[in-house]
Structures are given as C-alpha cells and as structure tokens.
Amino acid sequence: MNKIYKEMYQNKLFTLQETNKIIKNNQVCRNNINRLIKQELITRLKAGMYYINPLDNKGFYPDTIHIASKLRPDAVISANSALTVLKLASSNESIIYLSAKHASKIRIDKHTYKIIKGFNFGIDKIEYQTSYGKFEINVTDLERTIIDCLRTRIIKGQDLIQMLRTKQIELNTRKMQTYLEKYNMPILYSKVGLILELCKTQLKIDDSDIEKLRKKLSKKIFYYKERGIKLIRPRYYYYKEWNIMLPEQLYELAKNLKPIQTTTTNK
C-alpha cells in the first residue's frame, strides 16, 4: 500500500508539507501524490491540499472548518465560524471565516473561505470534533470572537444580542477591554458597550465594567452599519448612551431592552 495513503488515511485531510515529512524527497513525494490522484485514492482540493477517498465511504468530503484550519500556517478560525466551533451558532457552510496575517478570499468547490486580517492575541488551541476524528485547531476565544463579529459586520446586532441573551455565556470583560485597546478602533467601544449593556443581566456584567467602556467613547458620532440593508437611504437614529447612529430595527430593539439607569451623572 502507498505510504502516503496509509499514513494519512486516519486524518483524511492533509497538505503537501505534511507528506514531505513522510517522503523527504519533494519530487518523489509529488509523484506519489499524482499517482494516488490518478488511481482516485485521493482528491486534490487545491494546490498543496488533498483528502483521502475512503474505500468504505464513497462521496466523502472533509469538514470545512478542518479545511480552513489548514489553509494557512497561521490560520485561526474566527468570527461567525468561531461561534459555530464554540457551539453558540448554527453552521453556515457556504462561508467559512478565519483570520491570518494577510486578508484574502479562497473559493474551494462550493465553499468560500474568507480570511480576515488577524492579530496574534485572543487565540485558543482546542480539539475540534469532526465526523471522522478529533483535530487540534486554533480558534479565537469568545471575547475576541464577539469583537471580531462587530468589527467585520459579519453578524447583525439583533442576532448577536439574541445569542448573548439566550445562551449561558460567561464573558471576561477585562479581556474585552484589553482587546479593544489592542484594536484601537474607537467605534468598537460604542458597539461593544451597546451590546454588553443590553445583555448585562444575562451575562452578569457589573455596571462598573460598562462605565469603563463608556469613558472610552469618542466625541465622534459613528454609524452602526450592517450588511444586508438594501434601502438606498436606510434610516438611522441617534442612540445617545453610546454616541452612535443605529439602523431602525436595532434602534427599536435597543430602546425596548434598554436597562433602567441606576447611576447618576454629575451636573
């Protein structure tokens, strides 16, 4: 039996770099891979990435999160896809998000792998379960994931609020404040502060932590823009508590969920 096929059978998904550890000679290694492809024992996903065609599982296709984790040496599952890995959101198979040093977009079969520019913090190494085994992958932690969802506008504000209010989640607000300082994007203080304040009871966040974010607000008024708004001139309303203009639906939700103020300001 071919050495590469035998060694990679259990993992199912593999890269050229991984096979070079099995067969040191690069050209011999490539010849072996090409032979396996012709024999239909493996399939090429993209240049340098392949998967096993199991004899007992015709039509096999590797897990898309597993694929994403191997696209770059520094690949980190991020944003909406990280929510899926953390079991906080349902899977969106058509677009998989990851972060790496350089942003780009890769199309593989019916799936788009969107690589957003990432940073080297807020990353956890976890065991990810697929239908064919467990694999170690890098994923952004919950605190950075929430910030990235807001930074990239991948998830709508209403959906994020609903998730945070209905799931049993523990947030480390100190981590979030540290990450916000690293991103150094003033609009994120408005967005994160708004979301956390509307979910503070469910997340058990102290008012003092909310006020720390409020003190970081810029004098500039930002717009909470969301994808999918198709109106030529969508309606925005000023939400003074976080000095931000909100789209109509999010503004109405914020008004309805707005917590009763327990603190007073000095005149």
C-alpha atoms as a PDB file:
ATOM      1  CA  MET A   1       0.000   0.000   0.000  1.00  0.00           C
ATOM      2  CA  ASN A   2       1.210   3.515  -0.805  1.00  0.00           C
ATOM      3  CA  LYS A   3       2.973   5.023   2.219  1.00  0.00           C
ATOM      4  CA  ILE A   4       1.219   8.410   1.985  1.00  0.00           C
ATOM      5  CA  TYR A   5      -2.214   6.810   1.670  1.00  0.00           C
ATOM      6  CA  LYS A   6      -1.536   4.568   4.652  1.00  0.00           C
ATOM      7  CA  GLU A   7      -0.154   7.334   6.881  1.00  0.00           C
ATOM      8  CA  MET A   8      -2.854   9.894   6.041  1.00  0.00           C
ATOM      9  CA  TYR A   9      -5.848   7.551   5.947  1.00  0.00           C
ATOM     10  CA  GLN A  10      -6.916   8.271   9.526  1.00  0.00           C
ATOM     11  CA  ASN A  11      -6.581  12.068   9.256  1.00  0.00           C
ATOM     12  CA  LYS A  12      -8.331  12.125   5.863  1.00  0.00           C
ATOM     13  CA  LEU A  13      -7.226  15.708   5.113  1.00  0.00           C
ATOM     14  CA  PHE A  14      -3.573  16.601   4.555  1.00  0.00           C
ATOM     15  CA  THR A  15      -1.172  19.044   2.927  1.00  0.00           C
ATOM     16  CA  LEU A  16       1.898  18.656   0.748  1.00  0.00           C
ATOM     17  CA  GLN A  17       4.046  19.892   3.641  1.00  0.00           C
ATOM     18  CA  GLU A  18       2.743  17.049   5.801  1.00  0.00           C
ATOM     19  CA  THR A  19       3.522  14.434   3.161  1.00  0.00           C
ATOM     20  CA  ASN A  20       7.058  15.812   2.827  1.00  0.00           C
ATOM     21  CA  LYS A  21       7.620  14.592   6.388  1.00  0.00           C
ATOM     22  CA  ILE A  22       6.768  11.065   5.208  1.00  0.00           C
ATOM     23  CA  ILE A  23       8.722  11.138   1.937  1.00  0.00           C
ATOM     24  CA  LYS A  24      11.647  13.537   2.251  1.00  0.00           C
ATOM     25  CA  ASN A  25      12.388  13.855  -1.454  1.00  0.00           C
ATOM     26  CA  ASN A  26       9.972  16.501  -2.725  1.00  0.00           C
ATOM     27  CA  GLN A  27       9.778  15.239  -6.311  1.00  0.00           C
ATOM     28  CA  VAL A  28       9.257  11.630  -5.257  1.00  0.00           C
ATOM     29  CA  CYS A  29       6.567  12.820  -2.880  1.00  0.00           C
ATOM     30  CA  ARG A  30       4.775  14.728  -5.640  1.00  0.00           C
ATOM     31  CA  ASN A  31       4.985  11.729  -7.964  1.00  0.00           C
ATOM     32  CA  ASN A  32       3.352   9.571  -5.299  1.00  0.00           C
ATOM     33  CA  ILE A  33       0.551  12.101  -4.834  1.00  0.00           C
ATOM     34  CA  ASN A  34      -0.097  12.362  -8.578  1.00  0.00           C
ATOM     35  CA  ARG A  35      -0.227   8.563  -8.790  1.00  0.00           C
ATOM     36  CA  LEU A  36      -2.781   8.427  -5.964  1.00  0.00           C
ATOM     37  CA  ILE A  37      -4.907  11.076  -7.690  1.00  0.00           C
ATOM     38  CA  LYS A  38      -4.906   9.089 -10.959  1.00  0.00           C
ATOM     39  CA  GLN A  39      -5.913   5.999  -9.006  1.00  0.00           C
ATOM     40  CA  GLU A  40      -8.739   8.054  -7.427  1.00  0.00           C
ATOM     41  CA  LEU A  41      -7.492   7.140  -3.968  1.00  0.00           C
ATOM     42  CA  ILE A  42      -7.135  10.818  -3.064  1.00  0.00           C
ATOM     43  CA  THR A  43      -8.642  14.087  -4.365  1.00  0.00           C
ATOM     44  CA  ARG A  44      -6.905  17.432  -4.760  1.00  0.00           C
ATOM     45  CA  LEU A  45      -8.869  20.198  -3.003  1.00  0.00           C
ATOM     46  CA  LYS A  46      -6.484  22.938  -4.041  1.00  0.00           C
ATOM     47  CA  ALA A  47      -2.787  23.262  -4.771  1.00  0.00           C
ATOM     48  CA  GLY A  48      -0.973  21.543  -1.926  1.00  0.00           C
ATOM     49  CA  MET A  49      -4.086  20.201  -0.143  1.00  0.00           C
ATOM     50  CA  TYR A  50      -5.684  16.774  -0.561  1.00  0.00           C
ATOM     51  CA  TYR A  51      -8.072  14.354   1.063  1.00  0.00           C
ATOM     52  CA  ILE A  52      -8.418  10.588   1.199  1.00  0.00           C
ATOM     53  CA  ASN A  53     -11.225   8.860  -0.693  1.00  0.00           C
ATOM     54  CA  PRO A  54     -12.135   6.156   1.835  1.00  0.00           C
ATOM     55  CA  LEU A  55     -12.944   2.817   0.250  1.00  0.00           C
ATOM     56  CA  ASP A  56     -15.880   2.354   2.642  1.00  0.00           C
ATOM     57  CA  ASN A  57     -17.313   5.890   2.324  1.00  0.00           C
ATOM     58  CA  LYS A  58     -17.931   6.974  -1.246  1.00  0.00           C
ATOM     59  CA  GLY A  59     -18.797  10.646  -1.558  1.00  0.00           C
ATOM     60  CA  PHE A  60     -16.705  11.575   1.489  1.00  0.00           C
ATOM     61  CA  TYR A  61     -15.859  15.274   1.849  1.00  0.00           C
ATOM     62  CA  PRO A  62     -13.757  16.749   4.661  1.00  0.00           C
ATOM     63  CA  ASP A  63     -15.153  19.092   7.293  1.00  0.00           C
ATOM     64  CA  THR A  64     -14.983  22.720   6.127  1.00  0.00           C
ATOM     65  CA  ILE A  65     -13.682  24.007   9.474  1.00  0.00           C
ATOM     66  CA  HIS A  66     -10.938  21.384   9.292  1.00  0.00           C
ATOM     67  CA  ILE A  67     -10.092  22.576   5.774  1.00  0.00           C
ATOM     68  CA  ALA A  68      -9.979  26.207   6.921  1.00  0.00           C
ATOM     69  CA  SER A  69      -7.567  25.340   9.736  1.00  0.00           C
ATOM     70  CA  LYS A  70      -5.046  24.076   7.166  1.00  0.00           C
ATOM     71  CA  LEU A  71      -5.278  26.873   4.599  1.00  0.00           C
ATOM     72  CA  ARG A  72      -2.520  28.921   6.219  1.00  0.00           C
ATOM     73  CA  PRO A  73       0.146  28.063   8.807  1.00  0.00           C
ATOM     74  CA  ASP A  74      -1.211  30.939  10.925  1.00  0.00           C
ATOM     75  CA  ALA A  75      -4.897  30.221  10.250  1.00  0.00           C
ATOM     76  CA  VAL A  76      -7.262  30.903  13.157  1.00  0.00           C
ATOM     77  CA  ILE A  77     -10.981  30.098  12.942  1.00  0.00           C
ATOM     78  CA  SER A  78     -12.707  33.410  13.587  1.00  0.00           C
ATOM     79  CA  ALA A  79     -15.884  35.469  13.723  1.00  0.00           C
ATOM     80  CA  ASN A  80     -19.092  33.624  12.801  1.00  0.00           C
ATOM     81  CA  SER A  81     -17.240  30.344  12.219  1.00  0.00           C
ATOM     82  CA  ALA A  82     -15.691  30.613  15.682  1.00  0.00           C
ATOM     83  CA  LEU A  83     -19.220  30.955  17.097  1.00  0.00           C
ATOM     84  CA  THR A  84     -20.029  27.669  15.343  1.00  0.00           C
ATOM     85  CA  VAL A  85     -16.946  25.945  16.778  1.00  0.00           C
ATOM     86  CA  LEU A  86     -17.825  27.304  20.237  1.00  0.00           C
ATOM     87  CA  LYS A  87     -21.339  25.875  19.728  1.00  0.00           C
ATOM     88  CA  LEU A  88     -23.027  29.249  20.025  1.00  0.00           C
ATOM     89  CA  ALA A  89     -24.366  29.491  16.471  1.00  0.00           C
ATOM     90  CA  SER A  90     -25.512  27.166  13.727  1.00  0.00           C
ATOM     91  CA  SER A  91     -23.126  26.363  10.919  1.00  0.00           C
ATOM     92  CA  ASN A  92     -23.078  28.467   7.754  1.00  0.00           C
ATOM     93  CA  GLU A  93     -21.468  26.035   5.352  1.00  0.00           C
ATOM     94  CA  SER A  94     -21.236  28.429   2.394  1.00  0.00           C
ATOM     95  CA  ILE A  95     -18.816  30.918   4.004  1.00  0.00           C
ATOM     96  CA  ILE A  96     -16.124  29.976   6.495  1.00  0.00           C
ATOM     97  CA  TYR A  97     -14.247  32.744   8.298  1.00  0.00           C
ATOM     98  CA  LEU A  98     -10.685  32.621   9.511  1.00  0.00           C
ATOM     99  CA  SER A  99      -8.048  35.172  10.341  1.00  0.00           C
ATOM    100  CA  ALA A 100      -4.411  35.278   9.294  1.00  0.00           C
ATOM    101  CA  LYS A 101      -1.679  37.833   8.753  1.00  0.00           C
ATOM    102  CA  HIS A 102      -2.911  38.731   5.261  1.00  0.00           C
ATOM    103  CA  ALA A 103      -6.561  39.069   4.213  1.00  0.00           C
ATOM    104  CA  SER A 104      -7.829  37.203   1.152  1.00  0.00           C
ATOM    105  CA  LYS A 105     -10.645  35.041  -0.171  1.00  0.00           C
ATOM    106  CA  ILE A 106     -10.338  31.448  -1.374  1.00  0.00           C
ATOM    107  CA  ARG A 107     -13.007  29.513  -3.251  1.00  0.00           C
ATOM    108  CA  ILE A 108     -12.897  25.714  -2.909  1.00  0.00           C
ATOM    109  CA  ASP A 109     -15.716  23.767  -4.548  1.00  0.00           C
ATOM    110  CA  LYS A 110     -18.993  25.257  -3.228  1.00  0.00           C
ATOM    111  CA  HIS A 111     -17.426  26.995  -0.251  1.00  0.00           C
ATOM    112  CA  THR A 112     -15.825  30.395   0.241  1.00  0.00           C
ATOM    113  CA  TYR A 113     -13.073  30.760   2.829  1.00  0.00           C
ATOM    114  CA  LYS A 114     -12.852  34.389   3.805  1.00  0.00           C
ATOM    115  CA  ILE A 115      -9.604  35.305   5.514  1.00  0.00           C
ATOM    116  CA  ILE A 116      -9.799  38.491   7.557  1.00  0.00           C
ATOM    117  CA  LYS A 117      -6.692  40.277   8.763  1.00  0.00           C
ATOM    118  CA  GLY A 118      -5.977  38.924  12.192  1.00  0.00           C
ATOM    119  CA  PHE A 119      -3.833  39.661  15.207  1.00  0.00           C
ATOM    120  CA  ASN A 120      -1.808  37.402  17.462  1.00  0.00           C
ATOM    121  CA  PHE A 121      -3.913  37.559  20.614  1.00  0.00           C
ATOM    122  CA  GLY A 122      -7.098  36.020  21.982  1.00  0.00           C
ATOM    123  CA  ILE A 123      -6.393  32.608  20.436  1.00  0.00           C
ATOM    124  CA  ASP A 124      -7.177  29.211  21.953  1.00  0.00           C
ATOM    125  CA  LYS A 125      -5.973  25.812  20.784  1.00  0.00           C
ATOM    126  CA  ILE A 126      -8.829  23.331  21.079  1.00  0.00           C
ATOM    127  CA  GLU A 127      -9.801  19.838  19.973  1.00  0.00           C
ATOM    128  CA  TYR A 128     -12.380  20.034  17.200  1.00  0.00           C
ATOM    129  CA  GLN A 129     -14.661  17.067  16.577  1.00  0.00           C
ATOM    130  CA  THR A 130     -15.442  16.041  13.004  1.00  0.00           C
ATOM    131  CA  SER A 131     -17.346  13.001  11.749  1.00  0.00           C
ATOM    132  CA  TYR A 132     -14.008  11.259  11.150  1.00  0.00           C
ATOM    133  CA  GLY A 133     -11.993  12.235  14.221  1.00  0.00           C
ATOM    134  CA  LYS A 134     -10.743  14.950  16.562  1.00  0.00           C
ATOM    135  CA  PHE A 135      -8.189  17.502  15.418  1.00  0.00           C
ATOM    136  CA  GLU A 136      -6.385  20.341  17.122  1.00  0.00           C
ATOM    137  CA  ILE A 137      -7.244  23.734  15.639  1.00  0.00           C
ATOM    138  CA  ASN A 138      -6.721  27.380  16.538  1.00  0.00           C
ATOM    139  CA  VAL A 139      -9.846  29.427  17.259  1.00  0.00           C
ATOM    140  CA  THR A 140     -10.392  32.923  18.625  1.00  0.00           C
ATOM    141  CA  ASP A 141     -11.638  32.954  22.206  1.00  0.00           C
ATOM    142  CA  LEU A 142     -15.181  34.117  22.959  1.00  0.00           C
ATOM    143  CA  GLU A 143     -14.214  37.682  23.837  1.00  0.00           C
ATOM    144  CA  ARG A 144     -12.230  38.288  20.656  1.00  0.00           C
ATOM    145  CA  THR A 145     -14.846  36.432  18.593  1.00  0.00           C
ATOM    146  CA  ILE A 146     -17.570  38.865  19.673  1.00  0.00           C
ATOM    147  CA  ILE A 147     -15.364  41.864  18.916  1.00  0.00           C
ATOM    148  CA  ASP A 148     -14.409  40.432  15.504  1.00  0.00           C
ATOM    149  CA  CYS A 149     -18.076  39.851  14.633  1.00  0.00           C
ATOM    150  CA  LEU A 150     -18.745  43.527  15.356  1.00  0.00           C
ATOM    151  CA  ARG A 151     -15.543  44.711  13.681  1.00  0.00           C
ATOM    152  CA  THR A 152     -16.249  42.897  10.436  1.00  0.00           C
ATOM    153  CA  ARG A 153     -20.070  43.267  10.483  1.00  0.00           C
ATOM    154  CA  ILE A 154     -20.404  39.531   9.864  1.00  0.00           C
ATOM    155  CA  ILE A 155     -23.344  39.134  12.228  1.00  0.00           C
ATOM    156  CA  LYS A 156     -26.257  41.533  12.707  1.00  0.00           C
ATOM    157  CA  GLY A 157     -26.566  43.320  16.020  1.00  0.00           C
ATOM    158  CA  GLN A 158     -30.014  41.851  16.693  1.00  0.00           C
ATOM    159  CA  ASP A 159     -28.735  38.313  16.152  1.00  0.00           C
ATOM    160  CA  LEU A 160     -25.726  38.834  18.397  1.00  0.00           C
ATOM    161  CA  ILE A 161     -27.916  40.288  21.153  1.00  0.00           C
ATOM    162  CA  GLN A 162     -30.326  37.365  20.919  1.00  0.00           C
ATOM    163  CA  MET A 163     -27.451  34.890  21.150  1.00  0.00           C
ATOM    164  CA  LEU A 164     -25.900  36.576  24.180  1.00  0.00           C
ATOM    165  CA  ARG A 165     -29.255  36.837  25.965  1.00  0.00           C
ATOM    166  CA  THR A 166     -30.298  33.209  25.380  1.00  0.00           C
ATOM    167  CA  LYS A 167     -27.062  31.225  25.704  1.00  0.00           C
ATOM    168  CA  GLN A 168     -25.368  30.522  29.017  1.00  0.00           C
ATOM    169  CA  ILE A 169     -22.197  32.510  28.470  1.00  0.00           C
ATOM    170  CA  GLU A 170     -19.504  33.834  30.785  1.00  0.00           C
ATOM    171  CA  LEU A 171     -17.593  36.803  29.422  1.00  0.00           C
ATOM    172  CA  ASN A 172     -14.313  38.127  30.746  1.00  0.00           C
ATOM    173  CA  THR A 173     -14.822  41.895  30.478  1.00  0.00           C
ATOM    174  CA  ARG A 174     -11.222  42.581  31.417  1.00  0.00           C
ATOM    175  CA  LYS A 175     -10.119  40.579  28.380  1.00  0.00           C
ATOM    176  CA  MET A 176     -12.526  42.514  26.177  1.00  0.00           C
ATOM    177  CA  GLN A 177     -11.164  45.829  27.399  1.00  0.00           C
ATOM    178  CA  THR A 178      -7.598  44.639  26.704  1.00  0.00           C
ATOM    179  CA  TYR A 179      -8.531  43.510  23.190  1.00  0.00           C
ATOM    180  CA  LEU A 180     -10.319  46.781  22.460  1.00  0.00           C
ATOM    181  CA  GLU A 181      -7.162  48.655  23.419  1.00  0.00           C
ATOM    182  CA  LYS A 182      -5.139  46.460  21.045  1.00  0.00           C
ATOM    183  CA  TYR A 183      -7.547  47.045  18.144  1.00  0.00           C
ATOM    184  CA  ASN A 184      -7.553  50.778  18.850  1.00  0.00           C
ATOM    185  CA  MET A 185     -10.767  51.406  16.882  1.00  0.00           C
ATOM    186  CA  PRO A 186     -12.982  53.991  18.662  1.00  0.00           C
ATOM    187  CA  ILE A 187     -16.193  52.717  17.025  1.00  0.00           C
ATOM    188  CA  LEU A 188     -15.737  49.343  18.740  1.00  0.00           C
ATOM    189  CA  TYR A 189     -16.181  50.929  22.189  1.00  0.00           C
ATOM    190  CA  SER A 190     -19.591  52.175  21.061  1.00  0.00           C
ATOM    191  CA  LYS A 191     -20.603  48.852  19.512  1.00  0.00           C
ATOM    192  CA  VAL A 192     -19.291  46.580  22.254  1.00  0.00           C
ATOM    193  CA  GLY A 193     -20.618  48.848  25.002  1.00  0.00           C
ATOM    194  CA  LEU A 194     -24.079  48.908  23.442  1.00  0.00           C
ATOM    195  CA  ILE A 195     -24.254  45.123  23.064  1.00  0.00           C
ATOM    196  CA  LEU A 196     -22.911  44.366  26.536  1.00  0.00           C
ATOM    197  CA  GLU A 197     -25.187  46.861  28.257  1.00  0.00           C
ATOM    198  CA  LEU A 198     -28.273  45.371  26.586  1.00  0.00           C
ATOM    199  CA  CYS A 199     -27.182  41.894  27.703  1.00  0.00           C
ATOM    200  CA  LYS A 200     -25.589  42.763  31.057  1.00  0.00           C
ATOM    201  CA  THR A 201     -28.165  40.946  33.188  1.00  0.00           C
ATOM    202  CA  GLN A 202     -27.822  37.674  31.281  1.00  0.00           C
ATOM    203  CA  LEU A 203     -24.015  37.994  31.125  1.00  0.00           C
ATOM    204  CA  LYS A 204     -23.811  39.114  34.779  1.00  0.00           C
ATOM    205  CA  ILE A 205     -21.719  42.153  33.914  1.00  0.00           C
ATOM    206  CA  ASP A 206     -21.235  44.829  36.556  1.00  0.00           C
ATOM    207  CA  ASP A 207     -22.279  48.402  35.863  1.00  0.00           C
ATOM    208  CA  SER A 208     -18.720  49.469  36.688  1.00  0.00           C
ATOM    209  CA  ASP A 209     -17.406  47.461  33.714  1.00  0.00           C
ATOM    210  CA  ILE A 210     -19.976  49.088  31.417  1.00  0.00           C
ATOM    211  CA  GLU A 211     -18.936  52.532  32.646  1.00  0.00           C
ATOM    212  CA  LYS A 212     -15.260  51.777  31.916  1.00  0.00           C
ATOM    213  CA  LEU A 213     -16.224  51.288  28.275  1.00  0.00           C
ATOM    214  CA  ARG A 214     -18.395  54.407  28.262  1.00  0.00           C
ATOM    215  CA  LYS A 215     -15.444  56.505  29.435  1.00  0.00           C
ATOM    216  CA  LYS A 216     -13.564  55.436  26.300  1.00  0.00           C
ATOM    217  CA  LEU A 217     -16.188  56.813  23.905  1.00  0.00           C
ATOM    218  CA  SER A 218     -15.023  59.157  21.196  1.00  0.00           C
ATOM    219  CA  LYS A 219     -16.641  62.546  20.635  1.00  0.00           C
ATOM    220  CA  LYS A 220     -17.165  61.496  17.046  1.00  0.00           C
ATOM    221  CA  ILE A 221     -20.577  60.021  16.224  1.00  0.00           C
ATOM    222  CA  PHE A 222     -20.272  56.695  14.406  1.00  0.00           C
ATOM    223  CA  TYR A 223     -22.770  54.761  12.296  1.00  0.00           C
ATOM    224  CA  TYR A 224     -23.557  51.160  13.194  1.00  0.00           C
ATOM    225  CA  LYS A 225     -23.625  49.927   9.606  1.00  0.00           C
ATOM    226  CA  GLU A 226     -24.837  46.411   8.884  1.00  0.00           C
ATOM    227  CA  ARG A 227     -24.699  44.182   5.859  1.00  0.00           C
ATOM    228  CA  GLY A 228     -27.912  43.321   4.113  1.00  0.00           C
ATOM    229  CA  ILE A 229     -29.567  46.750   4.440  1.00  0.00           C
ATOM    230  CA  LYS A 230     -30.873  47.242   0.901  1.00  0.00           C
ATOM    231  CA  LEU A 231     -32.518  50.639   1.200  1.00  0.00           C
ATOM    232  CA  ILE A 232     -30.805  53.385  -0.766  1.00  0.00           C
ATOM    233  CA  ARG A 233     -31.063  55.658   2.254  1.00  0.00           C
ATOM    234  CA  PRO A 234     -31.593  53.472   5.336  1.00  0.00           C
ATOM    235  CA  ARG A 235     -32.943  55.195   8.425  1.00  0.00           C
ATOM    236  CA  TYR A 236     -30.578  55.727  11.324  1.00  0.00           C
ATOM    237  CA  TYR A 237     -31.430  57.054  14.779  1.00  0.00           C
ATOM    238  CA  TYR A 238     -29.107  58.570  17.337  1.00  0.00           C
ATOM    239  CA  TYR A 239     -28.577  56.467  20.460  1.00  0.00           C
ATOM    240  CA  LYS A 240     -27.001  58.925  22.858  1.00  0.00           C
ATOM    241  CA  GLU A 241     -25.978  56.419  25.546  1.00  0.00           C
ATOM    242  CA  TRP A 242     -23.248  55.115  23.228  1.00  0.00           C
ATOM    243  CA  ASN A 243     -22.922  58.085  20.890  1.00  0.00           C
ATOM    244  CA  ILE A 244     -23.804  56.053  17.824  1.00  0.00           C
ATOM    245  CA  MET A 245     -26.327  56.078  14.982  1.00  0.00           C
ATOM    246  CA  LEU A 246     -28.268  52.815  14.851  1.00  0.00           C
ATOM    247  CA  PRO A 247     -30.272  51.318  11.971  1.00  0.00           C
ATOM    248  CA  GLU A 248     -34.003  51.412  12.629  1.00  0.00           C
ATOM    249  CA  GLN A 249     -34.535  47.795  13.711  1.00  0.00           C
ATOM    250  CA  LEU A 250     -31.558  47.767  16.060  1.00  0.00           C
ATOM    251  CA  TYR A 251     -32.571  51.142  17.497  1.00  0.00           C
ATOM    252  CA  GLU A 252     -36.083  49.886  18.308  1.00  0.00           C
ATOM    253  CA  LEU A 253     -34.641  46.760  19.915  1.00  0.00           C
ATOM    254  CA  ALA A 254     -32.184  48.819  21.956  1.00  0.00           C
ATOM    255  CA  LYS A 255     -34.972  51.087  23.207  1.00  0.00           C
ATOM    256  CA  ASN A 256     -37.057  48.085  24.280  1.00  0.00           C
ATOM    257  CA  LEU A 257     -34.153  46.355  26.021  1.00  0.00           C
ATOM    258  CA  LYS A 258     -32.568  49.467  27.474  1.00  0.00           C
ATOM    259  CA  PRO A 259     -31.801  48.786  31.144  1.00  0.00           C
ATOM    260  CA  ILE A 260     -33.056  51.113  33.837  1.00  0.00           C
ATOM    261  CA  GLN A 261     -30.297  53.525  34.756  1.00  0.00           C
ATOM    262  CA  THR A 262     -29.052  53.002  38.292  1.00  0.00           C
ATOM    263  CA  THR A 263     -26.230  55.516  38.160  1.00  0.00           C
ATOM    264  CA  THR A 264     -26.383  59.302  38.131  1.00  0.00           C
ATOM    265  CA  THR A 265     -24.120  61.775  36.398  1.00  0.00           C
ATOM    266  CA  ASN A 266     -22.640  64.859  37.994  1.00  0.00           C
ATOM    267  CA  LYS A 267     -24.136  68.115  36.847  1.00  0.00           C
END
